[in-house]
Amino acid sequence: MIERVARAILKRRFYDCEPDMYVDLDWFFWVMENESGDIWSDAQDEARAAIEAMREPTEAMRAARFRVRGRGGQAEWEAMIDQALKDDA
């Protein structure tokens, strides 16, 4: 999950701004992971911090989970994450 979040951070920060600079997304990630100095490790640190911040769900996330209770773990997880993406604080 850390790698997935780190890649999302890098894609948003660099690739989405100037995609024409890179051959394709796979090449972009290869460059970020192998040729970018501290950029990749910094993104991993940021990803780890983001995931740690989500360890304790907000009340709104708990409520979203409750609304879909009984539909299975995947539905509850998605409802909580969707709510987290909506939260302002």
N, C-alpha and C. Protein backbone atom coordinates (compact mmCIF):
# COMPACT_ATOMS: atom_id res chain seq x y z
N MET A 1 0.82 -1.19 0.00
CA MET A 1 0.00 0.00 0.00
C MET A 1 0.87 1.26 0.00
N ILE A 2 2.00 1.21 0.70
CA ILE A 2 2.88 2.38 0.72
C ILE A 2 3.35 2.71 -0.69
N GLU A 3 3.74 1.69 -1.44
CA GLU A 3 4.19 1.94 -2.82
C GLU A 3 3.05 2.51 -3.67
N ARG A 4 1.86 1.98 -3.51
CA ARG A 4 0.72 2.47 -4.29
C ARG A 4 0.42 3.94 -3.99
N VAL A 5 0.45 4.30 -2.71
CA VAL A 5 0.19 5.69 -2.33
C VAL A 5 1.34 6.59 -2.78
N ALA A 6 2.57 6.12 -2.64
CA ALA A 6 3.73 6.91 -3.10
C ALA A 6 3.64 7.17 -4.60
N ARG A 7 3.25 6.16 -5.36
CA ARG A 7 3.11 6.34 -6.81
C ARG A 7 2.00 7.36 -7.11
N ALA A 8 0.91 7.30 -6.37
CA ALA A 8 -0.18 8.27 -6.58
C ALA A 8 0.29 9.69 -6.29
N ILE A 9 1.09 9.85 -5.24
CA ILE A 9 1.64 11.17 -4.89
C ILE A 9 2.52 11.68 -6.02
N LEU A 10 3.43 10.84 -6.50
CA LEU A 10 4.35 11.26 -7.56
C LEU A 10 3.61 11.53 -8.87
N LYS A 11 2.63 10.71 -9.19
CA LYS A 11 1.87 10.92 -10.41
C LYS A 11 1.17 12.28 -10.37
N ARG A 12 0.54 12.58 -9.25
CA ARG A 12 -0.17 13.86 -9.12
C ARG A 12 0.80 15.02 -9.15
N ARG A 13 1.94 14.87 -8.49
CA ARG A 13 2.90 15.96 -8.35
C ARG A 13 3.67 16.25 -9.64
N PHE A 14 4.04 15.21 -10.37
CA PHE A 14 4.92 15.41 -11.52
C PHE A 14 4.28 15.02 -12.86
N TYR A 15 3.82 13.79 -12.95
CA TYR A 15 3.36 13.27 -14.25
C TYR A 15 2.13 14.02 -14.76
N ASP A 16 1.14 14.24 -13.91
CA ASP A 16 -0.09 14.89 -14.35
C ASP A 16 0.15 16.32 -14.81
N CYS A 17 1.18 16.95 -14.30
CA CYS A 17 1.50 18.33 -14.69
C CYS A 17 2.12 18.41 -16.08
N GLU A 18 2.98 17.44 -16.41
CA GLU A 18 3.67 17.46 -17.70
C GLU A 18 3.86 16.05 -18.25
N PRO A 19 2.77 15.39 -18.63
CA PRO A 19 2.90 14.01 -19.10
C PRO A 19 3.73 13.86 -20.37
N ASP A 20 3.84 14.90 -21.17
CA ASP A 20 4.61 14.82 -22.40
C ASP A 20 6.11 14.66 -22.16
N MET A 21 6.55 14.91 -20.93
CA MET A 21 7.97 14.76 -20.60
C MET A 21 8.37 13.29 -20.49
N TYR A 22 7.39 12.41 -20.38
CA TYR A 22 7.68 11.00 -20.13
C TYR A 22 7.11 10.13 -21.25
N VAL A 23 7.79 9.03 -21.57
CA VAL A 23 7.36 8.12 -22.62
C VAL A 23 5.98 7.56 -22.29
N ASP A 24 5.83 7.06 -21.10
CA ASP A 24 4.55 6.55 -20.61
C ASP A 24 4.62 6.46 -19.09
N LEU A 25 3.53 6.05 -18.49
CA LEU A 25 3.47 6.03 -17.03
C LEU A 25 4.42 5.00 -16.43
N ASP A 26 4.57 3.84 -17.06
CA ASP A 26 5.51 2.83 -16.54
C ASP A 26 6.93 3.37 -16.54
N TRP A 27 7.31 4.05 -17.61
CA TRP A 27 8.65 4.63 -17.69
C TRP A 27 8.82 5.71 -16.62
N PHE A 28 7.79 6.53 -16.44
CA PHE A 28 7.82 7.57 -15.41
C PHE A 28 8.12 6.96 -14.04
N PHE A 29 7.39 5.89 -13.69
CA PHE A 29 7.61 5.28 -12.38
C PHE A 29 9.00 4.65 -12.29
N TRP A 30 9.50 4.08 -13.36
CA TRP A 30 10.85 3.53 -13.33
C TRP A 30 11.86 4.64 -13.04
N VAL A 31 11.71 5.77 -13.70
CA VAL A 31 12.60 6.91 -13.47
C VAL A 31 12.50 7.37 -12.02
N MET A 32 11.29 7.51 -11.52
CA MET A 32 11.10 7.98 -10.14
C MET A 32 11.74 7.03 -9.13
N GLU A 33 11.61 5.73 -9.36
CA GLU A 33 12.11 4.75 -8.41
C GLU A 33 13.61 4.51 -8.52
N ASN A 34 14.19 4.77 -9.70
CA ASN A 34 15.60 4.39 -9.93
C ASN A 34 16.55 5.55 -10.20
N GLU A 35 16.05 6.68 -10.64
CA GLU A 35 16.93 7.75 -11.10
C GLU A 35 16.64 9.11 -10.45
N SER A 36 15.79 9.14 -9.45
CA SER A 36 15.34 10.45 -8.96
C SER A 36 15.92 10.86 -7.62
N GLY A 37 16.94 10.20 -7.17
CA GLY A 37 17.54 10.58 -5.90
C GLY A 37 16.57 10.36 -4.75
N ASP A 38 16.35 11.39 -3.97
CA ASP A 38 15.50 11.29 -2.78
C ASP A 38 14.01 11.41 -3.08
N ILE A 39 13.63 11.71 -4.30
CA ILE A 39 12.21 11.93 -4.60
C ILE A 39 11.38 10.70 -4.26
N TRP A 40 11.85 9.50 -4.65
CA TRP A 40 11.10 8.27 -4.38
C TRP A 40 11.01 8.00 -2.89
N SER A 41 12.12 8.11 -2.16
CA SER A 41 12.07 7.83 -0.72
C SER A 41 11.24 8.88 0.01
N ASP A 42 11.28 10.13 -0.44
CA ASP A 42 10.44 11.16 0.16
C ASP A 42 8.96 10.84 -0.06
N ALA A 43 8.61 10.39 -1.27
CA ALA A 43 7.22 10.04 -1.56
C ALA A 43 6.77 8.86 -0.69
N GLN A 44 7.67 7.90 -0.47
CA GLN A 44 7.33 6.78 0.41
C GLN A 44 7.10 7.26 1.84
N ASP A 45 7.92 8.19 2.31
CA ASP A 45 7.73 8.75 3.65
C ASP A 45 6.39 9.48 3.75
N GLU A 46 6.05 10.25 2.71
CA GLU A 46 4.77 10.95 2.69
C GLU A 46 3.60 9.97 2.66
N ALA A 47 3.75 8.90 1.90
CA ALA A 47 2.70 7.87 1.82
C ALA A 47 2.50 7.22 3.18
N ARG A 48 3.60 6.87 3.84
CA ARG A 48 3.53 6.26 5.16
C ARG A 48 2.81 7.20 6.14
N ALA A 49 3.13 8.47 6.09
CA ALA A 49 2.49 9.44 6.99
C ALA A 49 0.99 9.56 6.68
N ALA A 50 0.64 9.55 5.41
CA ALA A 50 -0.78 9.65 5.03
C ALA A 50 -1.56 8.44 5.53
N ILE A 51 -0.98 7.26 5.37
CA ILE A 51 -1.66 6.04 5.81
C ILE A 51 -1.77 6.02 7.34
N GLU A 52 -0.71 6.43 8.02
CA GLU A 52 -0.75 6.49 9.49
C GLU A 52 -1.82 7.45 9.97
N ALA A 53 -2.01 8.56 9.28
CA ALA A 53 -3.02 9.54 9.68
C ALA A 53 -4.43 8.97 9.58
N MET A 54 -4.60 7.96 8.73
CA MET A 54 -5.93 7.36 8.55
C MET A 54 -6.17 6.19 9.50
N ARG A 55 -5.21 5.91 10.35
CA ARG A 55 -5.36 4.77 11.27
C ARG A 55 -6.59 4.90 12.14
N GLU A 56 -6.85 6.07 12.64
CA GLU A 56 -8.01 6.31 13.50
C GLU A 56 -9.09 6.99 12.66
N PRO A 57 -10.19 6.29 12.35
CA PRO A 57 -11.22 6.88 11.49
C PRO A 57 -11.94 8.04 12.18
N THR A 58 -12.40 8.97 11.38
CA THR A 58 -13.20 10.08 11.90
C THR A 58 -14.61 9.58 12.21
N GLU A 59 -15.37 10.38 12.92
CA GLU A 59 -16.77 10.02 13.19
C GLU A 59 -17.55 9.89 11.88
N ALA A 60 -17.27 10.76 10.93
CA ALA A 60 -17.96 10.69 9.64
C ALA A 60 -17.62 9.38 8.92
N MET A 61 -16.39 8.93 9.02
CA MET A 61 -16.00 7.66 8.41
C MET A 61 -16.73 6.49 9.09
N ARG A 62 -16.82 6.54 10.40
CA ARG A 62 -17.53 5.49 11.13
C ARG A 62 -19.01 5.46 10.72
N ALA A 63 -19.60 6.64 10.58
CA ALA A 63 -21.01 6.72 10.18
C ALA A 63 -21.20 6.15 8.78
N ALA A 64 -20.27 6.45 7.88
CA ALA A 64 -20.36 5.92 6.51
C ALA A 64 -20.30 4.40 6.53
N ARG A 65 -19.43 3.87 7.36
CA ARG A 65 -19.34 2.40 7.49
C ARG A 65 -20.65 1.83 8.00
N PHE A 66 -21.23 2.48 8.98
CA PHE A 66 -22.49 2.00 9.56
C PHE A 66 -23.61 1.98 8.51
N ARG A 67 -23.61 2.98 7.63
CA ARG A 67 -24.67 3.06 6.60
C ARG A 67 -24.64 1.89 5.63
N VAL A 68 -23.49 1.27 5.44
CA VAL A 68 -23.40 0.14 4.50
C VAL A 68 -23.17 -1.19 5.23
N ARG A 69 -23.33 -1.19 6.52
CA ARG A 69 -23.10 -2.40 7.30
C ARG A 69 -23.97 -3.54 6.76
N GLY A 70 -23.38 -4.70 6.70
CA GLY A 70 -24.09 -5.86 6.19
C GLY A 70 -23.82 -6.14 4.72
N ARG A 71 -23.18 -5.21 4.03
CA ARG A 71 -22.86 -5.42 2.61
C ARG A 71 -21.47 -6.00 2.41
N GLY A 72 -20.78 -6.22 3.50
CA GLY A 72 -19.45 -6.83 3.40
C GLY A 72 -18.33 -5.85 3.69
N GLY A 73 -17.18 -6.41 4.00
CA GLY A 73 -16.02 -5.60 4.37
C GLY A 73 -15.56 -4.64 3.30
N GLN A 74 -15.59 -5.09 2.04
CA GLN A 74 -15.15 -4.22 0.94
C GLN A 74 -16.04 -2.97 0.85
N ALA A 75 -17.34 -3.15 0.97
CA ALA A 75 -18.27 -2.02 0.89
C ALA A 75 -18.04 -1.06 2.05
N GLU A 76 -17.79 -1.62 3.23
CA GLU A 76 -17.54 -0.77 4.41
C GLU A 76 -16.24 0.02 4.23
N TRP A 77 -15.19 -0.66 3.78
CA TRP A 77 -13.90 0.00 3.54
C TRP A 77 -14.05 1.13 2.53
N GLU A 78 -14.70 0.85 1.40
CA GLU A 78 -14.88 1.85 0.36
C GLU A 78 -15.71 3.03 0.86
N ALA A 79 -16.74 2.76 1.65
CA ALA A 79 -17.56 3.85 2.19
C ALA A 79 -16.73 4.75 3.11
N MET A 80 -15.88 4.13 3.91
CA MET A 80 -15.04 4.91 4.82
C MET A 80 -14.02 5.75 4.05
N ILE A 81 -13.40 5.16 3.05
CA ILE A 81 -12.41 5.90 2.25
C ILE A 81 -13.10 7.00 1.46
N ASP A 82 -14.26 6.71 0.87
CA ASP A 82 -15.01 7.75 0.15
C ASP A 82 -15.32 8.92 1.07
N GLN A 83 -15.71 8.62 2.30
CA GLN A 83 -16.00 9.68 3.26
C GLN A 83 -14.75 10.46 3.61
N ALA A 84 -13.63 9.76 3.79
CA ALA A 84 -12.37 10.45 4.09
C ALA A 84 -12.00 11.42 2.97
N LEU A 85 -12.26 11.04 1.75
CA LEU A 85 -11.94 11.91 0.62
C LEU A 85 -12.86 13.12 0.55
N LYS A 86 -14.02 13.02 1.17
CA LYS A 86 -14.97 14.14 1.21
C LYS A 86 -14.69 15.10 2.36
N ASP A 87 -14.10 14.57 3.44
CA ASP A 87 -13.88 15.37 4.66
C ASP A 87 -12.98 16.56 4.39
N ASP A 88 -13.34 17.67 5.03
CA ASP A 88 -12.51 18.87 4.94
C ASP A 88 -11.46 18.89 6.04
N ALA A 89 -11.72 18.20 7.12
CA ALA A 89 -10.80 18.23 8.26
C ALA A 89 -10.42 16.84 8.68
